[in-house]
Amino acid sequence: MHSWIQHIDGSSPRDIAASIARQITSGELAPGDRLPTVRVVASEIGVSPATVSHAWQALARAGLIVSRGRAGSFVRSTDAAWLPPRTQGLAGHPGDARLDLSRGTPDPLLLPGLARALARVSAGAQSAQTSSYHDLPLIPELERVLRAAWPYPPEAITVVDGALDAVSRALESVVRFGDRVVVESPGFPPFFDLIDALGAERVPVTLDDDGMLPSSLSAALGSHPSAVILQPRAQNPTGASMPRARAEELARVIRGHPNGSQLIVIEDDHSGQISTAGDVSLGEWLPDQVLHVRSFSKSHGPDLRIAALGGPSGIVDRIVARRMLGPGWTSRMTQRILYDLLTDGQSIDEVAEARRQYYTRQRTLASGLATWDIASPVRSDGINTWLPVADERSALVQLAAVGIRVAAGSAFMATDVPGAPAFVRVTAGMVRDDTAEVAAALAAAALPHPPGSHSLGARWS
């Protein structure tokens, strides 16, 4: 008998899959290892081949193993080398999940229609042409709209190719090799990858319902960081939004700390107009130290690839100058499309309806989970929910077995803490209907002793 097969606990497909998942996590089964055939495993543990086959299907849906036809089934190796390390954990894997709640992307059915904006911009194509490589990188009409909606009066403002591009360029402007950067934990994994790529060190701080904890930030400032990254609204992954009082308290901590005067705060307002929380920024109190990023991916479409960046002119101008040696500017055609979407009455109404829909979906899913005594640690804003689970791998496998994919919570932790509580991130904004069934499946995967019958999740398989 293969040694790892001896450690399989239980005889149901879920038990078999969960046992193998734990052995993959521990490293006993390594990437690229070939698994015995279904019939061999079935014979060695005394179950039917069909039972093992169902377990294999669950592991494949969870992205843990891959079938190569007659060559057999193998523990999946990393097959997205073009992605940064922690981002690979968010990419998911092709499979037959009927409901993908892992990606953190907006519902495409709730994005405003582009046809009207494209038609109007196309009709004015002559005025949209760029006659010089040295024209202003931000068209004046879009700048006026952005400034009118900014949470504080920024000294300078520009647009770049999405929120992550903005955060990346901000970090490159203020962080040097060996510097320390304060990050939320849990936080957004690509931020961790960016910091690692710069040769900087992550300093994690903890969160509560209102976002970053002032006491944790104060302690982190003792390490002399050069920057802090925070998400003021719909924090990814928890969904926490920061009230104005908490933002003021964080600004007070920074202003009052001996090491605070040189700190640059980078704020990623990635959910923007689909957030139901009030607009807030530490820039209201620290305008010379805050770079505020506003994304339009969640509200108007990820493929627009456009975000606004505002803050001190010394830093923003440096970012603009550096971009002139690369992409130059964000397409002015795209800028005019965004301007149209931000000022067209019907588009404004469509975004408002999306905001209402996401709020309703979050509350409905939370109510469904509450019937199983499952609750998120925070009241989620935006599209994501942070769900506590007894065991991450087991939850991923069990949900995959009923056709639901979620994101592993460990990817969102800034540091590995042995024995820390386990979570998964659920993109609640993609739960359009059948919420009670989805909630039951999530609860069954979250609890150490699944409640009731698994049949509630069967329709997803």
Protein backbone atom coordinates (compact mmCIF):
# COMPACT_ATOMS: atom_id res chain seq x y z
CA MET A 1 0.00 0.00 0.00
CA HIS A 2 1.21 3.53 -0.76
CA SER A 3 2.20 5.16 2.52
CA TRP A 4 0.01 8.25 2.06
CA ILE A 5 -3.07 6.12 1.41
CA GLN A 6 -2.80 4.84 4.98
CA HIS A 7 -3.59 8.36 6.17
CA ILE A 8 -6.93 8.61 4.37
CA ASP A 9 -9.62 9.07 7.00
CA GLY A 10 -13.17 8.03 6.14
CA SER A 11 -14.74 6.34 3.16
CA SER A 12 -16.96 9.01 1.57
CA PRO A 13 -15.80 11.00 -1.49
CA ARG A 14 -15.60 14.12 0.69
CA ASP A 15 -13.49 12.39 3.35
CA ILE A 16 -11.13 10.88 0.79
CA ALA A 17 -10.71 14.19 -1.06
CA ALA A 18 -10.16 16.15 2.17
CA SER A 19 -7.53 13.66 3.39
CA ILE A 20 -5.60 13.90 0.14
CA ALA A 21 -5.94 17.70 0.14
CA ARG A 22 -4.32 17.84 3.58
CA GLN A 23 -1.43 15.68 2.37
CA ILE A 24 -0.93 18.00 -0.61
CA THR A 25 -0.88 20.97 1.76
CA SER A 26 1.62 19.29 4.08
CA GLY A 27 3.92 18.38 1.19
CA GLU A 28 3.61 14.63 1.64
CA LEU A 29 2.19 14.70 -1.88
CA ALA A 30 4.31 17.07 -3.95
CA PRO A 31 3.47 18.95 -7.17
CA GLY A 32 3.87 16.58 -10.10
CA ASP A 33 3.38 13.38 -8.06
CA ARG A 34 1.39 10.76 -9.92
CA LEU A 35 -1.59 9.33 -8.07
CA PRO A 36 -2.43 5.63 -8.26
CA THR A 37 -5.34 4.65 -10.45
CA VAL A 38 -8.87 4.94 -9.11
CA ARG A 39 -9.16 1.14 -8.97
CA VAL A 40 -5.90 0.75 -7.02
CA VAL A 41 -6.93 3.32 -4.41
CA ALA A 42 -10.43 1.86 -4.18
CA SER A 43 -9.00 -1.61 -3.60
CA GLU A 44 -6.53 -0.45 -0.95
CA ILE A 45 -9.05 1.47 1.17
CA GLY A 46 -12.01 -0.86 0.55
CA VAL A 47 -14.46 1.40 -1.31
CA SER A 48 -15.96 1.36 -4.78
CA PRO A 49 -14.10 2.88 -7.75
CA ALA A 50 -17.04 5.25 -8.20
CA THR A 51 -16.43 6.66 -4.70
CA VAL A 52 -12.77 7.36 -5.44
CA SER A 53 -13.70 8.79 -8.84
CA HIS A 54 -16.02 11.31 -7.15
CA ALA A 55 -13.19 12.26 -4.78
CA TRP A 56 -10.83 12.76 -7.74
CA GLN A 57 -13.42 15.00 -9.41
CA ALA A 58 -13.69 17.15 -6.28
CA LEU A 59 -9.90 17.51 -6.08
CA ALA A 60 -9.74 18.48 -9.75
CA ARG A 61 -12.48 21.09 -9.29
CA ALA A 62 -10.52 22.55 -6.39
CA GLY A 63 -7.48 22.83 -8.63
CA LEU A 64 -5.40 20.38 -6.58
CA ILE A 65 -4.96 17.59 -9.13
CA VAL A 66 -5.08 17.36 -12.90
CA SER A 67 -5.98 14.43 -15.16
CA ARG A 68 -3.74 13.68 -18.13
CA GLY A 69 -5.87 11.01 -19.73
CA ARG A 70 -4.29 7.60 -19.92
CA ALA A 71 -1.12 8.95 -18.27
CA GLY A 72 -3.08 9.22 -15.03
CA SER A 73 -3.86 11.91 -12.46
CA PHE A 74 -1.17 14.15 -10.95
CA VAL A 75 -0.84 16.65 -8.15
CA ARG A 76 -1.12 19.95 -9.97
CA SER A 77 2.04 21.94 -10.49
CA THR A 78 2.01 25.70 -10.86
CA ASP A 79 0.91 26.27 -14.43
CA ALA A 80 0.61 30.06 -14.47
CA ALA A 81 4.26 31.05 -14.23
CA TRP A 82 3.48 34.34 -15.93
CA LEU A 83 1.56 35.37 -12.80
CA PRO A 84 3.29 36.73 -9.66
CA PRO A 85 3.57 34.15 -6.84
CA ARG A 86 0.66 35.13 -4.59
CA THR A 87 -1.50 36.12 -7.54
CA GLN A 88 -1.27 32.52 -8.78
CA GLY A 89 -3.39 31.51 -5.78
CA LEU A 90 -6.20 33.76 -6.98
CA ALA A 91 -6.20 32.73 -10.62
CA GLY A 92 -8.27 29.58 -10.19
CA HIS A 93 -8.06 26.68 -12.62
CA PRO A 94 -10.16 25.66 -15.58
CA GLY A 95 -12.81 23.24 -14.52
CA ASP A 96 -16.48 22.53 -14.34
CA ALA A 97 -17.40 24.74 -11.38
CA ARG A 98 -20.97 25.84 -11.96
CA LEU A 99 -20.58 28.88 -9.73
CA ASP A 100 -17.21 30.62 -9.55
CA LEU A 101 -17.08 32.81 -6.43
CA SER A 102 -13.28 32.96 -6.33
CA ARG A 103 -12.30 35.79 -8.63
CA GLY A 104 -13.33 39.01 -6.91
CA THR A 105 -14.59 40.50 -10.17
CA PRO A 106 -17.84 42.40 -10.75
CA ASP A 107 -20.91 40.80 -12.24
CA PRO A 108 -20.71 41.60 -15.99
CA LEU A 109 -24.50 41.88 -16.07
CA LEU A 110 -24.30 44.85 -13.67
CA LEU A 111 -21.79 46.94 -15.63
CA PRO A 112 -23.13 49.99 -17.49
CA GLY A 113 -23.63 49.54 -21.22
CA LEU A 114 -20.80 50.83 -23.39
CA ALA A 115 -22.72 51.18 -26.66
CA ARG A 116 -23.95 54.72 -26.04
CA ALA A 117 -20.57 55.95 -24.82
CA LEU A 118 -18.75 54.32 -27.74
CA ALA A 119 -21.17 55.85 -30.23
CA ARG A 120 -20.81 59.34 -28.78
CA VAL A 121 -17.02 59.13 -28.51
CA SER A 122 -16.81 57.74 -32.04
CA ALA A 123 -18.95 60.58 -33.35
CA GLY A 124 -16.44 63.01 -31.86
CA ALA A 125 -13.42 60.99 -32.97
CA GLN A 126 -11.73 64.00 -34.57
CA SER A 127 -11.54 65.77 -31.22
CA ALA A 128 -10.33 62.57 -29.58
CA GLN A 129 -7.24 62.31 -31.75
CA THR A 130 -3.87 62.95 -30.17
CA SER A 131 -1.80 65.41 -32.18
CA SER A 132 1.29 65.35 -29.96
CA TYR A 133 3.13 62.89 -27.76
CA HIS A 134 3.52 65.72 -25.28
CA ASP A 135 -0.13 66.64 -24.77
CA LEU A 136 -1.45 66.64 -21.22
CA PRO A 137 -1.80 63.01 -20.06
CA LEU A 138 -5.22 63.72 -18.49
CA ILE A 139 -7.97 65.30 -20.57
CA PRO A 140 -9.32 68.44 -18.84
CA GLU A 141 -13.00 67.43 -18.83
CA LEU A 142 -12.26 64.14 -17.05
CA GLU A 143 -10.00 65.91 -14.56
CA ARG A 144 -12.84 68.29 -13.64
CA VAL A 145 -15.20 65.37 -12.98
CA LEU A 146 -12.60 63.48 -10.94
CA ARG A 147 -11.72 66.49 -8.81
CA ALA A 148 -15.39 67.20 -8.10
CA ALA A 149 -15.83 63.67 -6.71
CA TRP A 150 -12.48 63.39 -4.85
CA PRO A 151 -12.77 62.97 -1.05
CA TYR A 152 -10.37 65.91 -0.47
CA PRO A 153 -8.77 68.57 -2.73
CA PRO A 154 -5.70 66.84 -4.24
CA GLU A 155 -2.74 68.95 -5.29
CA ALA A 156 -2.29 66.92 -8.48
CA ILE A 157 -4.26 64.21 -10.24
CA THR A 158 -3.64 61.88 -13.17
CA VAL A 159 -4.95 58.61 -14.62
CA VAL A 160 -3.13 55.30 -15.06
CA ASP A 161 -3.93 51.80 -16.27
CA GLY A 162 -5.95 50.43 -13.35
CA ALA A 163 -5.65 50.53 -9.57
CA LEU A 164 -2.83 48.00 -9.35
CA ASP A 165 -0.83 50.04 -11.85
CA ALA A 166 -1.41 53.09 -9.66
CA VAL A 167 -0.31 51.31 -6.48
CA SER A 168 2.70 49.82 -8.26
CA ARG A 169 3.87 53.21 -9.54
CA ALA A 170 3.25 54.82 -6.17
CA LEU A 171 5.35 52.18 -4.41
CA GLU A 172 8.13 52.49 -6.97
CA SER A 173 8.22 56.24 -6.33
CA VAL A 174 8.53 56.10 -2.54
CA VAL A 175 9.93 52.66 -1.59
CA ARG A 176 13.53 51.55 -1.96
CA PHE A 177 15.24 48.19 -1.53
CA GLY A 178 15.24 47.21 2.13
CA ASP A 179 12.44 49.60 3.12
CA ARG A 180 9.47 48.46 5.18
CA VAL A 181 5.88 48.83 4.02
CA VAL A 182 2.86 48.53 6.32
CA VAL A 183 0.12 46.32 4.89
CA GLU A 184 -3.28 45.08 6.01
CA SER A 185 -3.46 41.43 7.02
CA PRO A 186 -5.60 40.01 5.58
CA GLY A 187 -4.94 42.14 2.54
CA PHE A 188 -4.70 42.06 -1.24
CA PRO A 189 -2.10 39.47 -2.36
CA PRO A 190 -0.74 41.45 -5.37
CA PHE A 191 0.33 44.18 -2.92
CA PHE A 192 2.49 41.61 -1.17
CA ASP A 193 3.99 40.54 -4.50
CA LEU A 194 4.74 44.17 -5.41
CA ILE A 195 6.52 44.78 -2.11
CA ASP A 196 8.53 41.57 -2.49
CA ALA A 197 9.48 42.55 -6.06
CA LEU A 198 10.89 45.86 -4.77
CA GLY A 199 13.01 44.06 -2.21
CA ALA A 200 11.05 45.65 0.62
CA GLU A 201 9.70 44.06 3.80
CA ARG A 202 6.03 43.68 4.70
CA VAL A 203 4.90 44.87 8.13
CA PRO A 204 1.40 43.45 8.79
CA VAL A 205 -1.28 45.24 10.78
CA THR A 206 -4.63 43.86 11.91
CA LEU A 207 -8.18 44.94 11.11
CA ASP A 208 -11.58 45.13 12.71
CA ASP A 209 -15.05 46.05 11.41
CA ASP A 210 -13.85 49.59 10.65
CA GLY A 211 -10.62 48.66 8.88
CA MET A 212 -7.03 49.13 10.02
CA LEU A 213 -6.61 49.21 13.81
CA PRO A 214 -4.96 52.41 15.08
CA SER A 215 -3.09 50.55 17.85
CA SER A 216 -1.68 48.06 15.35
CA LEU A 217 -0.64 50.86 12.99
CA SER A 218 1.04 52.71 15.87
CA ALA A 219 3.07 49.61 16.72
CA ALA A 220 4.02 49.13 13.06
CA LEU A 221 5.31 52.70 12.79
CA GLY A 222 8.01 51.73 15.25
CA SER A 223 9.70 49.79 12.44
CA HIS A 224 10.31 53.07 10.51
CA PRO A 225 8.28 52.16 7.38
CA SER A 226 8.40 54.36 4.29
CA ALA A 227 4.82 53.64 3.21
CA VAL A 228 1.51 52.15 4.26
CA ILE A 229 -1.07 50.63 1.91
CA LEU A 230 -4.68 50.56 3.00
CA GLN A 231 -8.10 50.06 1.43
CA PRO A 232 -10.56 52.60 2.83
CA ARG A 233 -13.71 51.00 1.42
CA ALA A 234 -14.86 47.43 0.73
CA GLN A 235 -11.48 46.12 1.90
CA ASN A 236 -10.36 43.09 -0.11
CA PRO A 237 -10.88 40.40 1.16
CA THR A 238 -12.94 41.29 4.24
CA GLY A 239 -15.36 43.87 2.82
CA ALA A 240 -14.71 46.24 5.75
CA SER A 241 -15.25 49.96 5.11
CA MET A 242 -13.63 52.70 7.13
CA PRO A 243 -15.83 55.38 8.73
CA ARG A 244 -14.59 58.95 8.80
CA ALA A 245 -13.86 58.76 12.53
CA ARG A 246 -11.46 55.81 12.02
CA ALA A 247 -9.70 57.60 9.15
CA GLU A 248 -9.21 60.66 11.36
CA GLU A 249 -7.87 58.47 14.16
CA LEU A 250 -5.35 56.80 11.82
CA ALA A 251 -4.25 60.22 10.57
CA ARG A 252 -3.80 61.33 14.18
CA VAL A 253 -1.63 58.26 14.90
CA ILE A 254 0.58 59.02 11.89
CA ARG A 255 0.83 62.74 12.63
CA GLY A 256 1.66 62.14 16.28
CA HIS A 257 4.28 59.43 15.79
CA PRO A 258 7.99 60.41 15.71
CA ASN A 259 8.39 58.40 12.49
CA GLY A 260 5.11 59.51 10.92
CA SER A 261 6.06 62.71 9.13
CA GLN A 262 7.95 60.96 6.32
CA LEU A 263 5.39 58.20 5.82
CA ILE A 264 3.47 58.04 2.53
CA VAL A 265 -0.06 56.60 2.71
CA ILE A 266 -1.26 54.82 -0.44
CA GLU A 267 -5.05 54.35 -0.45
CA ASP A 268 -6.68 51.92 -2.87
CA ASP A 269 -10.37 52.78 -3.26
CA HIS A 270 -10.84 49.88 -5.67
CA SER A 271 -14.63 49.52 -5.36
CA GLY A 272 -15.40 53.20 -5.78
CA GLN A 273 -18.97 53.80 -6.87
CA ILE A 274 -20.31 50.34 -6.00
CA SER A 275 -19.43 50.83 -2.33
CA THR A 276 -22.33 51.83 -0.08
CA ALA A 277 -19.99 53.39 2.50
CA GLY A 278 -19.23 57.08 2.57
CA ASP A 279 -16.22 58.37 0.67
CA VAL A 280 -13.24 58.78 3.01
CA SER A 281 -9.52 59.48 2.83
CA LEU A 282 -6.71 60.23 5.25
CA GLY A 283 -5.84 62.94 2.73
CA GLU A 284 -8.41 65.14 4.46
CA TRP A 285 -5.93 65.47 7.36
CA LEU A 286 -2.63 64.51 5.68
CA PRO A 287 -2.88 65.96 2.14
CA ASP A 288 0.92 66.12 1.73
CA GLN A 289 1.37 62.44 2.62
CA VAL A 290 -1.51 60.65 0.88
CA LEU A 291 -1.73 59.13 -2.59
CA HIS A 292 -5.37 58.24 -3.16
CA VAL A 293 -6.27 55.77 -5.91
CA ARG A 294 -9.77 55.54 -7.34
CA SER A 295 -10.55 52.60 -9.62
CA PHE A 296 -13.44 52.23 -12.04
CA SER A 297 -12.96 48.51 -12.70
CA LYS A 298 -15.65 47.27 -10.29
CA SER A 299 -18.16 49.96 -11.24
CA HIS A 300 -17.61 50.46 -14.97
CA GLY A 301 -15.61 47.45 -16.18
CA PRO A 302 -12.21 45.81 -15.51
CA ASP A 303 -11.26 45.95 -19.18
CA LEU A 304 -11.38 49.74 -19.28
CA ARG A 305 -8.05 49.52 -17.38
CA ILE A 306 -8.27 52.99 -15.92
CA ALA A 307 -7.88 54.45 -12.44
CA ALA A 308 -7.26 57.94 -11.08
CA LEU A 309 -4.34 58.81 -8.82
CA GLY A 310 -4.24 62.00 -6.78
CA GLY A 311 -1.90 63.44 -4.18
CA PRO A 312 1.14 65.68 -3.67
CA SER A 313 2.32 67.14 -6.98
CA GLY A 314 5.95 66.22 -6.26
CA ILE A 315 5.09 62.51 -6.29
CA VAL A 316 2.32 62.55 -8.90
CA ASP A 317 4.45 64.55 -11.36
CA ARG A 318 7.30 62.08 -10.85
CA ILE A 319 4.94 59.21 -11.67
CA VAL A 320 3.65 61.00 -14.79
CA ALA A 321 7.21 61.72 -15.96
CA ARG A 322 8.23 58.08 -15.49
CA ARG A 323 5.20 56.90 -17.47
CA MET A 324 6.25 59.13 -20.37
CA LEU A 325 9.25 56.81 -20.75
CA GLY A 326 6.95 53.77 -21.00
CA PRO A 327 3.28 53.76 -22.00
CA GLY A 328 3.27 57.57 -22.13
CA TRP A 329 -0.34 58.06 -21.14
CA THR A 330 -3.59 56.20 -20.67
CA SER A 331 -5.49 56.21 -23.97
CA ARG A 332 -7.35 59.51 -24.30
CA MET A 333 -10.02 57.62 -26.18
CA THR A 334 -10.54 55.46 -23.08
CA GLN A 335 -10.53 58.59 -20.94
CA ARG A 336 -13.33 60.07 -23.05
CA ILE A 337 -15.31 56.84 -22.72
CA LEU A 338 -14.95 57.00 -18.93
CA TYR A 339 -15.90 60.68 -18.94
CA ASP A 340 -19.05 59.84 -20.89
CA LEU A 341 -19.94 57.03 -18.47
CA LEU A 342 -19.41 59.30 -15.45
CA THR A 343 -21.65 62.06 -16.82
CA ASP A 344 -24.36 60.18 -18.76
CA GLY A 345 -27.56 59.97 -16.74
CA GLN A 346 -28.45 56.43 -17.81
CA SER A 347 -24.95 55.14 -17.01
CA ILE A 348 -25.10 56.83 -13.60
CA ASP A 349 -28.42 55.09 -12.92
CA GLU A 350 -26.99 51.72 -14.01
CA VAL A 351 -24.07 52.03 -11.60
CA ALA A 352 -26.47 53.04 -8.81
CA GLU A 353 -28.55 49.94 -9.54
CA ALA A 354 -25.41 47.78 -9.45
CA ARG A 355 -24.55 49.24 -6.05
CA ARG A 356 -28.04 48.40 -4.80
CA GLN A 357 -27.86 44.86 -6.23
CA TYR A 358 -24.49 44.14 -4.61
CA TYR A 359 -25.76 45.43 -1.28
CA THR A 360 -28.84 43.21 -1.55
CA ARG A 361 -26.79 40.14 -2.53
CA GLN A 362 -24.42 40.67 0.40
CA ARG A 363 -27.25 41.00 2.90
CA THR A 364 -29.20 38.07 1.45
CA LEU A 365 -26.19 35.75 1.57
CA ALA A 366 -25.36 36.92 5.10
CA SER A 367 -28.92 36.13 6.18
CA GLY A 368 -28.71 32.70 4.57
CA LEU A 369 -25.45 31.94 6.37
CA ALA A 370 -26.90 33.18 9.65
CA THR A 371 -29.50 30.41 9.54
CA TRP A 372 -26.56 28.00 9.94
CA ASP A 373 -24.93 30.16 12.66
CA ILE A 374 -22.21 31.26 10.25
CA ALA A 375 -21.20 34.93 10.25
CA SER A 376 -18.48 36.96 8.57
CA PRO A 377 -16.22 38.83 11.01
CA VAL A 378 -17.27 42.14 9.40
CA ARG A 379 -20.32 43.60 7.71
CA SER A 380 -19.21 43.25 4.12
CA ASP A 381 -19.34 46.13 1.66
CA GLY A 382 -18.68 45.79 -2.06
CA ILE A 383 -18.60 42.33 -3.63
CA ASN A 384 -16.51 40.13 -1.29
CA THR A 385 -17.22 38.28 1.96
CA TRP A 386 -14.60 36.85 4.34
CA LEU A 387 -15.93 33.51 5.53
CA PRO A 388 -14.47 31.65 8.54
CA VAL A 389 -13.96 27.91 8.01
CA ALA A 390 -12.70 25.07 10.16
CA ASP A 391 -10.15 23.94 7.56
CA GLU A 392 -9.26 25.81 4.36
CA ARG A 393 -8.35 22.87 2.14
CA SER A 394 -11.28 20.81 3.29
CA ALA A 395 -13.66 23.70 2.60
CA LEU A 396 -12.23 24.23 -0.91
CA VAL A 397 -12.57 20.55 -1.73
CA GLN A 398 -16.08 20.18 -0.35
CA LEU A 399 -17.32 23.24 -2.23
CA ALA A 400 -15.64 22.03 -5.40
CA ALA A 401 -17.47 18.73 -4.99
CA VAL A 402 -20.79 20.58 -5.32
CA GLY A 403 -19.57 22.82 -8.15
CA ILE A 404 -18.67 26.01 -6.23
CA ARG A 405 -15.23 27.62 -6.32
CA VAL A 406 -14.02 30.13 -3.71
CA ALA A 407 -10.59 31.67 -3.01
CA ALA A 408 -8.26 30.24 -0.39
CA GLY A 409 -7.91 32.66 2.50
CA SER A 410 -4.25 31.88 3.17
CA ALA A 411 -3.21 33.81 0.04
CA PHE A 412 -4.53 37.02 1.64
CA MET A 413 -2.43 36.78 4.81
CA ALA A 414 0.66 38.99 4.87
CA THR A 415 2.53 36.48 7.04
CA ASP A 416 2.07 32.82 7.85
CA VAL A 417 0.87 32.34 11.41
CA PRO A 418 0.72 28.65 12.45
CA GLY A 419 -2.61 27.77 13.99
CA ALA A 420 -4.29 30.98 12.87
CA PRO A 421 -8.04 30.83 12.09
CA ALA A 422 -8.85 29.72 8.55
CA PHE A 423 -10.94 31.65 6.02
CA VAL A 424 -12.03 31.66 2.40
CA ARG A 425 -12.97 34.66 0.31
CA VAL A 426 -16.39 34.47 -1.32
CA THR A 427 -17.37 36.83 -4.14
CA ALA A 428 -20.89 37.36 -2.86
CA GLY A 429 -21.56 39.84 -5.63
CA MET A 430 -21.78 36.94 -8.09
CA VAL A 431 -24.53 35.09 -6.17
CA ARG A 432 -27.45 36.17 -8.34
CA ASP A 433 -30.05 33.63 -7.20
CA ASP A 434 -30.53 30.36 -5.31
CA THR A 435 -28.89 32.11 -2.36
CA ALA A 436 -30.31 29.72 0.26
CA GLU A 437 -28.74 26.73 -1.52
CA VAL A 438 -25.42 28.54 -1.89
CA ALA A 439 -25.45 29.55 1.77
CA ALA A 440 -26.17 25.96 2.82
CA ALA A 441 -23.26 24.68 0.72
CA LEU A 442 -20.93 27.33 2.16
CA ALA A 443 -22.05 26.48 5.70
CA ALA A 444 -21.58 22.76 5.13
CA ALA A 445 -18.02 23.42 4.00
CA ALA A 446 -17.30 25.92 6.78
CA LEU A 447 -18.31 23.91 9.81
CA PRO A 448 -16.21 21.08 11.24
CA HIS A 449 -19.38 18.96 11.40
CA PRO A 450 -21.45 19.85 8.33
CA PRO A 451 -25.05 20.74 9.19
CA GLY A 452 -27.85 18.58 7.89
CA SER A 453 -27.83 16.92 4.50
CA HIS A 454 -25.36 17.68 1.74
CA SER A 455 -28.21 17.44 -0.77
CA LEU A 456 -28.81 21.18 -0.51
CA GLY A 457 -25.68 21.74 -2.54
CA ALA A 458 -26.27 18.90 -4.96
CA ARG A 459 -27.85 21.10 -7.65
CA TRP A 460 -24.48 22.80 -8.18
CA SER A 461 -22.69 19.59 -9.06
